[in-house]
Amino acid sequence: MQICHPFPVTNKFQLGELTHMKNVLHTLYAKYQILMHEDGQDLVEYALVVALIAFAATAGMNTLATNINLAFTNIGTRLSGYTT
């Protein structure tokens, strides 16, 4: 039985490369299928991401508020210097 390839195989080395590539692709496809069937973890992962974003936003708000307050204070000081 002769195997039909999409492109011509000229020697045994190329046939070995094709077999190896086919095995690698088959392994990757199997791992992909395993990862795709983990449905129960999706909700937990999304909840963890949302919690992490909320924590980072809360932690960064104090620094951001301080910097914004300082910027407006500097603007106010400069404007009052120009108006007097």
Protein backbone atom coordinates (compact mmCIF):
# COMPACT_ATOMS: atom_id res chain seq x y z
CA MET A 1 0.00 0.00 0.00
CA GLN A 2 1.45 3.33 -1.06
CA ILE A 3 0.87 6.48 1.01
CA CYS A 4 -0.20 9.50 -1.00
CA HIS A 5 1.50 12.71 0.15
CA PRO A 6 0.42 16.25 -0.76
CA PHE A 7 3.94 16.88 -2.06
CA PRO A 8 6.40 14.38 -3.54
CA VAL A 9 8.80 12.58 -1.19
CA THR A 10 12.13 11.99 -2.87
CA ASN A 11 13.99 10.00 -0.21
CA LYS A 12 13.60 8.15 3.09
CA PHE A 13 14.96 11.11 5.06
CA GLN A 14 12.09 13.32 3.88
CA LEU A 15 9.63 10.54 4.68
CA GLY A 16 11.08 10.38 8.21
CA GLU A 17 10.70 14.14 8.57
CA LEU A 18 7.09 13.91 7.45
CA THR A 19 6.37 11.14 9.94
CA HIS A 20 8.01 13.10 12.75
CA MET A 21 6.09 16.28 11.83
CA LYS A 22 2.84 14.32 11.70
CA ASN A 23 3.53 12.87 15.16
CA VAL A 24 4.35 16.31 16.59
CA LEU A 25 1.19 17.83 15.11
CA HIS A 26 -0.90 14.93 16.41
CA THR A 27 0.56 15.41 19.91
CA LEU A 28 -0.11 19.16 19.82
CA TYR A 29 -3.66 18.56 18.63
CA ALA A 30 -4.27 16.07 21.46
CA LYS A 31 -2.96 18.57 24.03
CA TYR A 32 -5.13 21.29 22.51
CA GLN A 33 -8.20 19.07 22.81
CA ILE A 34 -7.43 18.38 26.47
CA LEU A 35 -7.12 22.09 27.18
CA MET A 36 -10.35 22.86 25.37
CA HIS A 37 -12.38 20.40 27.47
CA GLU A 38 -11.68 22.07 30.82
CA ASP A 39 -15.02 23.87 30.94
CA GLY A 40 -15.46 24.04 34.71
CA GLN A 41 -12.42 26.22 35.29
CA ASP A 42 -13.52 29.09 33.06
CA LEU A 43 -15.77 30.76 35.61
CA VAL A 44 -13.17 30.44 38.38
CA GLU A 45 -10.44 31.86 36.15
CA TYR A 46 -12.58 34.84 35.15
CA ALA A 47 -13.48 35.49 38.78
CA LEU A 48 -9.80 35.43 39.76
CA VAL A 49 -8.90 37.84 36.95
CA VAL A 50 -11.68 40.24 37.96
CA ALA A 51 -10.58 40.07 41.61
CA LEU A 52 -6.97 40.74 40.64
CA ILE A 53 -7.96 43.73 38.49
CA ALA A 54 -10.15 45.10 41.29
CA PHE A 55 -7.33 44.69 43.83
CA ALA A 56 -4.79 46.39 41.53
CA ALA A 57 -7.20 49.24 40.80
CA THR A 58 -7.90 49.77 44.51
CA ALA A 59 -4.21 49.68 45.38
CA GLY A 60 -3.34 52.11 42.59
CA MET A 61 -6.12 54.61 43.30
CA ASN A 62 -4.40 56.14 46.35
CA THR A 63 -1.21 56.86 44.40
CA LEU A 64 -3.17 58.10 41.40
CA ALA A 65 -5.34 60.38 43.54
CA THR A 66 -2.26 61.84 45.24
CA ASN A 67 -0.57 62.51 41.90
CA ILE A 68 -3.69 64.13 40.42
CA ASN A 69 -4.13 66.30 43.53
CA LEU A 70 -0.47 67.38 43.31
CA ALA A 71 -0.83 68.21 39.59
CA PHE A 72 -3.87 70.41 40.20
CA THR A 73 -2.14 72.10 43.14
CA ASN A 74 0.83 72.92 40.90
CA ILE A 75 -1.48 74.25 38.18
CA GLY A 76 -3.34 76.39 40.73
CA THR A 77 -0.08 77.77 42.13
CA ARG A 78 1.18 78.74 38.66
CA LEU A 79 -2.15 80.29 37.68
CA SER A 80 -2.31 82.34 40.87
CA GLY A 81 1.24 83.56 40.16
CA TYR A 82 0.16 84.83 36.73
CA THR A 83 -2.98 86.56 37.99
CA THR A 84 -1.39 88.60 40.80
